[in-house]
Amino acid sequence: MRNYLKSLRRSAGFTLIELLVVIGILGVLAAALIATIDPFEQIKKANDANKKNVAVEFLNGNIRYYTTHNSMPWGDNASCASTGTLSDVSAVNCLTTLVTDGELKAAFTTATNVLQHVVYFGAANEVTACFLPESKSQQRDPNTKYNSSGQLTTGCAGQSGGTATNCYWCSL
């Protein structure tokens, strides 16, 4: 009976080698998971989503304004430019007009780190808002097919056979 209890005590548990092997396997799996997820790409995707939301909301605000006033903000406000980035002084005048009219929320103008990445092009009755995507997935999006002037271009990563990563996503 004593020998049996001694043998039980010796075999009850894992050896140091077994524990190190298991920890090593878990470490390799964790490294593979982190490489698959790519946290920097996830941050870029989130930034692109913010820029896309700002571009679409700016476009929608202008459409609502046009519906009410039968002109775009730059048609009613001389200090409001019809082209530029949303962080430009003249664009801020447009944003202020849209906020005052209730077409955009006041907090829209405080997102300057996002506004500086969105460009817009307006005419008498239309507007386009664009941004240059950071993430690989947004660069490969089929709708990322415009140049920095909001015009269709070729060779973009989202197009058949395209590899260019300097193409813009535009909300028309």
N, C-alpha and C. Protein backbone atom coordinates (compact mmCIF):
# COMPACT_ATOMS: atom_id res chain seq x y z
N MET A 1 0.82 -1.18 0.00
CA MET A 1 0.00 0.00 0.00
C MET A 1 0.87 1.25 0.00
N ARG A 2 1.94 1.26 0.79
CA ARG A 2 2.85 2.40 0.83
C ARG A 2 3.49 2.66 -0.53
N ASN A 3 3.91 1.64 -1.17
CA ASN A 3 4.53 1.79 -2.49
C ASN A 3 3.53 2.35 -3.50
N TYR A 4 2.31 1.93 -3.35
CA TYR A 4 1.27 2.42 -4.26
C TYR A 4 1.05 3.91 -4.05
N LEU A 5 1.01 4.38 -2.78
CA LEU A 5 0.82 5.81 -2.50
C LEU A 5 2.01 6.63 -2.98
N LYS A 6 3.23 6.12 -2.82
CA LYS A 6 4.42 6.82 -3.30
C LYS A 6 4.39 6.96 -4.81
N SER A 7 3.97 5.91 -5.48
CA SER A 7 3.92 5.98 -6.95
C SER A 7 2.83 6.94 -7.42
N LEU A 8 1.74 7.04 -6.64
CA LEU A 8 0.68 7.99 -6.98
C LEU A 8 1.18 9.44 -6.83
N ARG A 9 1.93 9.71 -5.78
CA ARG A 9 2.45 11.06 -5.55
C ARG A 9 3.42 11.47 -6.65
N ARG A 10 4.23 10.55 -7.11
CA ARG A 10 5.21 10.86 -8.15
C ARG A 10 4.53 11.12 -9.50
N SER A 11 3.46 10.41 -9.81
CA SER A 11 2.84 10.54 -11.13
C SER A 11 1.65 11.50 -11.13
N ALA A 12 1.29 12.09 -10.01
CA ALA A 12 0.16 13.02 -9.96
C ALA A 12 0.64 14.42 -10.33
N GLY A 13 0.45 14.84 -11.60
CA GLY A 13 0.86 16.17 -12.06
C GLY A 13 1.70 16.06 -13.32
N PHE A 14 2.06 17.24 -13.83
CA PHE A 14 2.83 17.30 -15.06
C PHE A 14 4.27 17.63 -14.75
N THR A 15 5.15 17.15 -15.58
CA THR A 15 6.56 17.48 -15.41
C THR A 15 6.80 18.86 -16.00
N LEU A 16 7.92 19.42 -15.68
CA LEU A 16 8.28 20.74 -16.17
C LEU A 16 8.37 20.75 -17.70
N ILE A 17 8.90 19.71 -18.26
CA ILE A 17 9.03 19.60 -19.72
C ILE A 17 7.65 19.62 -20.37
N GLU A 18 6.71 18.88 -19.83
CA GLU A 18 5.36 18.84 -20.40
C GLU A 18 4.71 20.23 -20.35
N LEU A 19 4.87 20.92 -19.23
CA LEU A 19 4.32 22.26 -19.10
C LEU A 19 4.96 23.24 -20.10
N LEU A 20 6.27 23.15 -20.28
CA LEU A 20 6.95 24.03 -21.22
C LEU A 20 6.51 23.77 -22.66
N VAL A 21 6.29 22.51 -23.00
CA VAL A 21 5.81 22.17 -24.35
C VAL A 21 4.43 22.77 -24.58
N VAL A 22 3.53 22.64 -23.62
CA VAL A 22 2.18 23.18 -23.76
C VAL A 22 2.23 24.71 -23.87
N ILE A 23 3.03 25.36 -23.04
CA ILE A 23 3.17 26.82 -23.10
C ILE A 23 3.74 27.25 -24.45
N GLY A 24 4.70 26.50 -24.95
CA GLY A 24 5.27 26.81 -26.27
C GLY A 24 4.24 26.70 -27.38
N ILE A 25 3.43 25.66 -27.34
CA ILE A 25 2.38 25.48 -28.36
C ILE A 25 1.37 26.63 -28.28
N LEU A 26 0.97 26.99 -27.07
CA LEU A 26 0.04 28.12 -26.90
C LEU A 26 0.65 29.43 -27.42
N GLY A 27 1.93 29.62 -27.20
CA GLY A 27 2.60 30.82 -27.69
C GLY A 27 2.61 30.89 -29.21
N VAL A 28 2.87 29.76 -29.86
CA VAL A 28 2.86 29.71 -31.32
C VAL A 28 1.46 30.00 -31.85
N LEU A 29 0.44 29.43 -31.22
CA LEU A 29 -0.94 29.68 -31.65
C LEU A 29 -1.32 31.15 -31.46
N ALA A 30 -0.90 31.75 -30.36
CA ALA A 30 -1.21 33.16 -30.11
C ALA A 30 -0.52 34.05 -31.14
N ALA A 31 0.73 33.75 -31.47
CA ALA A 31 1.45 34.54 -32.47
C ALA A 31 0.78 34.42 -33.84
N ALA A 32 0.33 33.23 -34.18
CA ALA A 32 -0.36 33.03 -35.47
C ALA A 32 -1.68 33.81 -35.49
N LEU A 33 -2.39 33.82 -34.39
CA LEU A 33 -3.66 34.54 -34.31
C LEU A 33 -3.45 36.05 -34.45
N ILE A 34 -2.45 36.58 -33.78
CA ILE A 34 -2.15 38.01 -33.87
C ILE A 34 -1.74 38.38 -35.29
N ALA A 35 -0.95 37.53 -35.93
CA ALA A 35 -0.54 37.80 -37.32
C ALA A 35 -1.74 37.76 -38.25
N THR A 36 -2.71 36.90 -37.98
CA THR A 36 -3.90 36.80 -38.82
C THR A 36 -4.79 38.02 -38.66
N ILE A 37 -4.97 38.47 -37.44
CA ILE A 37 -5.86 39.60 -37.16
C ILE A 37 -5.24 40.92 -37.61
N ASP A 38 -3.94 41.10 -37.49
CA ASP A 38 -3.22 42.32 -37.86
C ASP A 38 -3.89 43.56 -37.25
N PRO A 39 -3.58 43.87 -36.01
CA PRO A 39 -4.24 44.98 -35.34
C PRO A 39 -4.07 46.33 -36.05
N PHE A 40 -2.96 46.54 -36.75
CA PHE A 40 -2.78 47.81 -37.46
C PHE A 40 -3.75 47.93 -38.63
N GLU A 41 -4.02 46.81 -39.30
CA GLU A 41 -5.00 46.82 -40.39
C GLU A 41 -6.39 47.09 -39.84
N GLN A 42 -6.68 46.56 -38.65
CA GLN A 42 -7.99 46.81 -38.03
C GLN A 42 -8.15 48.30 -37.70
N ILE A 43 -7.08 48.94 -37.24
CA ILE A 43 -7.13 50.38 -36.95
C ILE A 43 -7.36 51.15 -38.24
N LYS A 44 -6.68 50.75 -39.31
CA LYS A 44 -6.87 51.42 -40.60
C LYS A 44 -8.30 51.25 -41.11
N LYS A 45 -8.88 50.06 -40.90
CA LYS A 45 -10.27 49.84 -41.31
C LYS A 45 -11.21 50.76 -40.53
N ALA A 46 -10.95 50.90 -39.24
CA ALA A 46 -11.79 51.78 -38.42
C ALA A 46 -11.67 53.24 -38.87
N ASN A 47 -10.45 53.67 -39.19
CA ASN A 47 -10.25 55.04 -39.69
C ASN A 47 -10.99 55.24 -41.00
N ASP A 48 -10.92 54.25 -41.89
CA ASP A 48 -11.63 54.34 -43.17
C ASP A 48 -13.14 54.40 -42.96
N ALA A 49 -13.63 53.63 -42.01
CA ALA A 49 -15.07 53.65 -41.73
C ALA A 49 -15.50 55.04 -41.24
N ASN A 50 -14.67 55.66 -40.39
CA ASN A 50 -14.97 57.03 -39.92
C ASN A 50 -14.99 58.01 -41.08
N LYS A 51 -14.00 57.92 -41.96
CA LYS A 51 -13.93 58.84 -43.11
C LYS A 51 -15.13 58.62 -44.03
N LYS A 52 -15.49 57.37 -44.24
CA LYS A 52 -16.63 57.07 -45.11
C LYS A 52 -17.91 57.64 -44.51
N ASN A 53 -18.10 57.47 -43.21
CA ASN A 53 -19.29 58.01 -42.55
C ASN A 53 -19.35 59.53 -42.67
N VAL A 54 -18.21 60.20 -42.49
CA VAL A 54 -18.18 61.66 -42.60
C VAL A 54 -18.50 62.09 -44.03
N ALA A 55 -17.91 61.41 -45.02
CA ALA A 55 -18.16 61.76 -46.43
C ALA A 55 -19.64 61.59 -46.78
N VAL A 56 -20.22 60.48 -46.36
CA VAL A 56 -21.63 60.21 -46.68
C VAL A 56 -22.54 61.19 -45.95
N GLU A 57 -22.24 61.48 -44.69
CA GLU A 57 -23.09 62.41 -43.93
C GLU A 57 -23.00 63.82 -44.51
N PHE A 58 -21.80 64.23 -44.93
CA PHE A 58 -21.65 65.54 -45.57
C PHE A 58 -22.47 65.59 -46.86
N LEU A 59 -22.39 64.55 -47.65
CA LEU A 59 -23.17 64.48 -48.89
C LEU A 59 -24.67 64.56 -48.59
N ASN A 60 -25.12 63.75 -47.64
CA ASN A 60 -26.55 63.74 -47.29
C ASN A 60 -27.01 65.09 -46.74
N GLY A 61 -26.18 65.74 -45.92
CA GLY A 61 -26.52 67.06 -45.40
C GLY A 61 -26.69 68.08 -46.52
N ASN A 62 -25.81 68.01 -47.51
CA ASN A 62 -25.92 68.93 -48.65
C ASN A 62 -27.16 68.64 -49.48
N ILE A 63 -27.48 67.38 -49.65
CA ILE A 63 -28.69 67.02 -50.41
C ILE A 63 -29.93 67.52 -49.69
N ARG A 64 -29.98 67.36 -48.37
CA ARG A 64 -31.12 67.86 -47.60
C ARG A 64 -31.21 69.39 -47.70
N TYR A 65 -30.05 70.04 -47.61
CA TYR A 65 -30.02 71.50 -47.73
C TYR A 65 -30.53 71.93 -49.11
N TYR A 66 -30.09 71.25 -50.15
CA TYR A 66 -30.52 71.57 -51.51
C TYR A 66 -32.03 71.38 -51.67
N THR A 67 -32.54 70.32 -51.05
CA THR A 67 -33.98 70.06 -51.12
C THR A 67 -34.78 71.20 -50.50
N THR A 68 -34.28 71.76 -49.42
CA THR A 68 -34.97 72.84 -48.72
C THR A 68 -34.78 74.20 -49.40
N HIS A 69 -33.56 74.49 -49.85
CA HIS A 69 -33.22 75.84 -50.35
C HIS A 69 -33.09 75.93 -51.87
N ASN A 70 -33.13 74.83 -52.55
CA ASN A 70 -32.96 74.77 -54.01
C ASN A 70 -31.61 75.33 -54.46
N SER A 71 -30.61 75.23 -53.59
CA SER A 71 -29.22 75.57 -53.93
C SER A 71 -28.32 74.92 -52.88
N MET A 72 -27.07 74.75 -53.24
CA MET A 72 -26.09 74.21 -52.31
C MET A 72 -25.61 75.34 -51.39
N PRO A 73 -24.97 75.00 -50.27
CA PRO A 73 -24.51 76.05 -49.35
C PRO A 73 -23.59 77.07 -50.01
N TRP A 74 -22.74 76.65 -50.94
CA TRP A 74 -21.83 77.59 -51.60
C TRP A 74 -22.58 78.50 -52.58
N GLY A 75 -23.80 78.15 -52.92
CA GLY A 75 -24.63 79.03 -53.74
C GLY A 75 -25.28 80.13 -52.92
N ASP A 76 -25.48 79.88 -51.62
CA ASP A 76 -26.12 80.85 -50.73
C ASP A 76 -25.13 81.66 -49.91
N ASN A 77 -23.94 81.11 -49.68
CA ASN A 77 -22.97 81.72 -48.78
C ASN A 77 -21.68 81.99 -49.57
N ALA A 78 -21.35 83.25 -49.79
CA ALA A 78 -20.18 83.61 -50.60
C ALA A 78 -18.87 83.19 -49.95
N SER A 79 -18.83 83.02 -48.64
CA SER A 79 -17.59 82.63 -47.96
C SER A 79 -17.43 81.12 -47.89
N CYS A 80 -18.27 80.42 -48.60
CA CYS A 80 -18.27 78.95 -48.60
C CYS A 80 -17.79 78.47 -49.97
N ALA A 81 -16.65 77.76 -50.00
CA ALA A 81 -16.09 77.28 -51.27
C ALA A 81 -16.77 75.99 -51.71
N SER A 82 -16.82 75.79 -53.01
CA SER A 82 -17.46 74.59 -53.54
C SER A 82 -16.50 73.42 -53.67
N THR A 83 -15.22 73.62 -53.38
CA THR A 83 -14.22 72.56 -53.49
C THR A 83 -13.18 72.73 -52.40
N GLY A 84 -12.69 71.63 -51.84
CA GLY A 84 -11.62 71.67 -50.85
C GLY A 84 -11.70 70.48 -49.91
N THR A 85 -10.93 70.54 -48.83
CA THR A 85 -11.05 69.52 -47.79
C THR A 85 -12.00 70.06 -46.73
N LEU A 86 -12.63 69.17 -46.00
CA LEU A 86 -13.64 69.59 -45.02
C LEU A 86 -13.05 70.36 -43.84
N SER A 87 -11.72 70.37 -43.72
CA SER A 87 -11.11 71.13 -42.63
C SER A 87 -10.68 72.53 -43.06
N ASP A 88 -10.79 72.86 -44.35
CA ASP A 88 -10.46 74.21 -44.83
C ASP A 88 -11.40 75.24 -44.19
N VAL A 89 -10.91 76.47 -44.08
CA VAL A 89 -11.72 77.54 -43.49
C VAL A 89 -13.01 77.74 -44.27
N SER A 90 -12.92 77.74 -45.59
CA SER A 90 -14.13 77.95 -46.40
C SER A 90 -15.09 76.77 -46.27
N ALA A 91 -14.55 75.57 -46.06
CA ALA A 91 -15.42 74.40 -45.86
C ALA A 91 -16.09 74.48 -44.49
N VAL A 92 -15.37 74.99 -43.50
CA VAL A 92 -15.96 75.16 -42.17
C VAL A 92 -17.14 76.12 -42.26
N ASN A 93 -17.05 77.12 -43.13
CA ASN A 93 -18.19 78.03 -43.33
C ASN A 93 -19.38 77.26 -43.90
N CYS A 94 -19.12 76.34 -44.82
CA CYS A 94 -20.20 75.49 -45.37
C CYS A 94 -20.79 74.61 -44.27
N LEU A 95 -19.90 74.02 -43.47
CA LEU A 95 -20.37 73.14 -42.39
C LEU A 95 -21.20 73.94 -41.39
N THR A 96 -20.77 75.16 -41.09
CA THR A 96 -21.53 76.00 -40.17
C THR A 96 -22.91 76.30 -40.73
N THR A 97 -22.99 76.55 -42.03
CA THR A 97 -24.29 76.78 -42.67
C THR A 97 -25.17 75.55 -42.53
N LEU A 98 -24.59 74.37 -42.76
CA LEU A 98 -25.36 73.12 -42.65
C LEU A 98 -25.79 72.84 -41.21
N VAL A 99 -24.91 73.15 -40.25
CA VAL A 99 -25.24 72.94 -38.84
C VAL A 99 -26.34 73.92 -38.42
N THR A 100 -26.19 75.18 -38.80
CA THR A 100 -27.19 76.20 -38.45
C THR A 100 -28.56 75.85 -39.02
N ASP A 101 -28.57 75.28 -40.20
CA ASP A 101 -29.83 74.91 -40.85
C ASP A 101 -30.39 73.59 -40.31
N GLY A 102 -29.60 72.89 -39.48
CA GLY A 102 -30.07 71.64 -38.88
C GLY A 102 -29.83 70.41 -39.74
N GLU A 103 -29.03 70.55 -40.79
CA GLU A 103 -28.76 69.41 -41.67
C GLU A 103 -27.62 68.53 -41.15
N LEU A 104 -26.76 69.08 -40.32
CA LEU A 104 -25.68 68.33 -39.67
C LEU A 104 -25.70 68.65 -38.18
N LYS A 105 -25.23 67.72 -37.38
CA LYS A 105 -25.12 67.95 -35.94
C LYS A 105 -23.90 68.83 -35.66
N ALA A 106 -23.96 69.58 -34.58
CA ALA A 106 -22.86 70.49 -34.23
C ALA A 106 -21.56 69.74 -34.00
N ALA A 107 -21.62 68.51 -33.50
CA ALA A 107 -20.42 67.73 -33.23
C ALA A 107 -19.68 67.34 -34.52
N PHE A 108 -20.34 67.45 -35.64
CA PHE A 108 -19.72 67.09 -36.92
C PHE A 108 -18.46 67.91 -37.16
N THR A 109 -18.47 69.17 -36.79
CA THR A 109 -17.33 70.05 -37.07
C THR A 109 -16.16 69.84 -36.13
N THR A 110 -16.34 69.07 -35.07
CA THR A 110 -15.25 68.87 -34.11
C THR A 110 -14.34 67.71 -34.46
N ALA A 111 -14.68 66.92 -35.44
CA ALA A 111 -13.88 65.75 -35.82
C ALA A 111 -12.80 66.16 -36.82
N THR A 112 -11.96 67.14 -36.45
CA THR A 112 -10.99 67.69 -37.39
C THR A 112 -9.98 66.67 -37.89
N ASN A 113 -9.65 65.66 -37.07
CA ASN A 113 -8.71 64.64 -37.53
C ASN A 113 -9.28 63.80 -38.66
N VAL A 114 -10.59 63.74 -38.78
CA VAL A 114 -11.24 63.02 -39.89
C VAL A 114 -11.56 63.98 -41.02
N LEU A 115 -12.02 65.18 -40.69
CA LEU A 115 -12.41 66.17 -41.71
C LEU A 115 -11.26 66.51 -42.65
N GLN A 116 -10.03 66.51 -42.13
CA GLN A 116 -8.89 66.88 -42.97
C GLN A 116 -8.58 65.85 -44.05
N HIS A 117 -9.16 64.66 -43.95
CA HIS A 117 -8.91 63.60 -44.94
C HIS A 117 -10.02 63.48 -45.98
N VAL A 118 -11.07 64.25 -45.84
CA VAL A 118 -12.20 64.16 -46.78
C VAL A 118 -12.19 65.39 -47.68
N VAL A 119 -12.14 65.15 -48.99
CA VAL A 119 -12.19 66.24 -49.97
C VAL A 119 -13.57 66.25 -50.60
N TYR A 120 -13.99 67.43 -51.05
CA TYR A 120 -15.32 67.52 -51.68
C TYR A 120 -15.24 68.41 -52.91
N PHE A 121 -16.15 68.15 -53.82
CA PHE A 121 -16.25 68.89 -55.08
C PHE A 121 -17.71 69.18 -55.31
N GLY A 122 -18.05 70.45 -55.41
CA GLY A 122 -19.45 70.81 -55.58
C GLY A 122 -19.70 71.59 -56.85
N ALA A 123 -20.93 71.54 -57.28
CA ALA A 123 -21.41 72.32 -58.42
C ALA A 123 -22.72 72.97 -58.00
N ALA A 124 -23.42 73.54 -58.94
CA ALA A 124 -24.67 74.24 -58.62
C ALA A 124 -25.70 73.32 -57.99
N ASN A 125 -25.74 72.06 -58.42
CA ASN A 125 -26.78 71.16 -57.90
C ASN A 125 -26.26 69.77 -57.57
N GLU A 126 -24.96 69.63 -57.33
CA GLU A 126 -24.42 68.32 -56.96
C GLU A 126 -23.17 68.48 -56.11
N VAL A 127 -22.82 67.40 -55.43
CA VAL A 127 -21.63 67.40 -54.60
C VAL A 127 -21.07 65.98 -54.56
N THR A 128 -19.75 65.88 -54.46
CA THR A 128 -19.06 64.61 -54.33
C THR A 128 -18.10 64.74 -53.15
N ALA A 129 -18.06 63.75 -52.28
CA ALA A 129 -17.13 63.74 -51.15
C ALA A 129 -16.29 62.48 -51.25
N CYS A 130 -14.96 62.62 -51.14
CA CYS A 130 -14.03 61.50 -51.35
C CYS A 130 -13.00 61.43 -50.23
N PHE A 131 -12.40 60.25 -50.07
CA PHE A 131 -11.27 60.09 -49.17
C PHE A 131 -10.34 59.01 -49.72
N LEU A 132 -9.07 59.09 -49.34
CA LEU A 132 -8.06 58.12 -49.75
C LEU A 132 -7.99 57.03 -48.69
N PRO A 133 -8.39 55.79 -49.00
CA PRO A 133 -8.40 54.72 -48.00
C PRO A 133 -7.00 54.34 -47.53
N GLU A 134 -6.92 53.97 -46.26
CA GLU A 134 -5.67 53.47 -45.67
C GLU A 134 -5.62 51.95 -45.68
N SER A 135 -6.74 51.30 -45.42
CA SER A 135 -6.76 49.85 -45.26
C SER A 135 -6.72 49.14 -46.61
N LYS A 136 -6.11 47.96 -46.60
CA LYS A 136 -6.01 47.17 -47.83
C LYS A 136 -7.39 46.76 -48.33
N SER A 137 -8.28 46.42 -47.42
CA SER A 137 -9.61 45.97 -47.85
C SER A 137 -10.38 47.10 -48.51
N GLN A 138 -10.27 48.32 -48.01
CA GLN A 138 -10.97 49.45 -48.63
C GLN A 138 -10.31 49.85 -49.94
N GLN A 139 -8.99 49.67 -50.05
CA GLN A 139 -8.31 49.96 -51.31
C GLN A 139 -8.75 48.99 -52.40
N ARG A 140 -9.10 47.76 -52.00
CA ARG A 140 -9.54 46.75 -52.97
C ARG A 140 -11.05 46.80 -53.22
N ASP A 141 -11.75 47.69 -52.54
CA ASP A 141 -13.19 47.83 -52.74
C ASP A 141 -13.45 48.29 -54.18
N PRO A 142 -14.41 47.67 -54.86
CA PRO A 142 -14.69 48.06 -56.25
C PRO A 142 -15.13 49.52 -56.40
N ASN A 143 -15.61 50.14 -55.35
CA ASN A 143 -16.03 51.54 -55.42
C ASN A 143 -14.88 52.52 -55.20
N THR A 144 -13.70 52.00 -54.90
CA THR A 144 -12.51 52.85 -54.76
C THR A 144 -11.89 52.95 -56.15
N LYS A 145 -12.41 53.88 -56.94
CA LYS A 145 -12.01 53.95 -58.36
C LYS A 145 -11.93 55.37 -58.89
N TYR A 146 -11.65 56.32 -58.01
CA TYR A 146 -11.62 57.72 -58.41
C TYR A 146 -10.25 58.33 -58.14
N ASN A 147 -9.92 59.41 -58.84
CA ASN A 147 -8.69 60.13 -58.56
C ASN A 147 -8.97 61.22 -57.52
N SER A 148 -7.96 62.02 -57.21
CA SER A 148 -8.12 63.01 -56.15
C SER A 148 -9.06 64.15 -56.53
N SER A 149 -9.50 64.18 -57.79
CA SER A 149 -10.47 65.19 -58.24
C SER A 149 -11.88 64.62 -58.33
N GLY A 150 -12.06 63.38 -57.89
CA GLY A 150 -13.38 62.76 -57.91
C GLY A 150 -13.79 62.24 -59.28
N GLN A 151 -12.83 62.12 -60.19
CA GLN A 151 -13.11 61.60 -61.53
C GLN A 151 -12.74 60.13 -61.61
N LEU A 152 -13.51 59.36 -62.38
CA LEU A 152 -13.19 57.94 -62.56
C LEU A 152 -11.79 57.79 -63.11
N THR A 153 -11.08 56.78 -62.62
CA THR A 153 -9.73 56.50 -63.10
C THR A 153 -9.57 55.00 -63.28
N THR A 154 -8.47 54.57 -63.84
CA THR A 154 -8.24 53.14 -64.07
C THR A 154 -7.01 52.68 -63.30
N GLY A 155 -6.86 51.38 -63.19
CA GLY A 155 -5.70 50.79 -62.54
C GLY A 155 -5.79 50.68 -61.04
N CYS A 156 -6.95 50.95 -60.46
CA CYS A 156 -7.11 50.88 -59.01
C CYS A 156 -7.12 49.43 -58.55
N ALA A 157 -6.71 49.21 -57.30
CA ALA A 157 -6.61 47.86 -56.76
C ALA A 157 -7.95 47.13 -56.76
N GLY A 158 -9.05 47.85 -56.68
CA GLY A 158 -10.37 47.22 -56.68
C GLY A 158 -10.89 46.86 -58.06
N GLN A 159 -10.18 47.29 -59.09
CA GLN A 159 -10.59 47.01 -60.46
C GLN A 159 -9.84 45.79 -60.98
N SER A 160 -10.38 45.17 -61.98
CA SER A 160 -9.78 43.98 -62.57
C SER A 160 -8.36 44.28 -63.06
N GLY A 161 -7.39 43.57 -62.52
CA GLY A 161 -5.99 43.74 -62.92
C GLY A 161 -5.32 44.97 -62.36
N GLY A 162 -6.02 45.77 -61.58
CA GLY A 162 -5.45 47.00 -61.04
C GLY A 162 -4.61 46.76 -59.80
N THR A 163 -3.62 47.61 -59.59
CA THR A 163 -2.75 47.49 -58.41
C THR A 163 -2.55 48.82 -57.70
N ALA A 164 -3.02 49.91 -58.27
CA ALA A 164 -2.78 51.24 -57.68
C ALA A 164 -3.48 51.38 -56.34
N THR A 165 -2.79 51.96 -55.38
CA THR A 165 -3.36 52.17 -54.04
C THR A 165 -3.60 53.65 -53.76
N ASN A 166 -3.48 54.50 -54.77
CA ASN A 166 -3.71 55.93 -54.58
C ASN A 166 -5.06 56.36 -55.15
N CYS A 167 -6.00 55.43 -55.18
CA CYS A 167 -7.33 55.73 -55.69
C CYS A 167 -8.25 56.09 -54.52
N TYR A 168 -9.20 56.95 -54.79
CA TYR A 168 -10.11 57.48 -53.77
C TYR A 168 -11.45 56.75 -53.80
N TRP A 169 -12.08 56.69 -52.63
CA TRP A 169 -13.47 56.23 -52.52
C TRP A 169 -14.31 57.49 -52.48
N CYS A 170 -15.33 57.55 -53.32
CA CYS A 170 -16.17 58.75 -53.38
C CYS A 170 -17.63 58.43 -53.15
N SER A 171 -18.29 59.33 -52.47
CA SER A 171 -19.73 59.28 -52.27
C SER A 171 -20.34 60.29 -53.23
N LEU A 172 -21.09 59.78 -54.19
CA LEU A 172 -21.64 60.65 -55.25
C LEU A 172 -23.09 60.97 -54.99
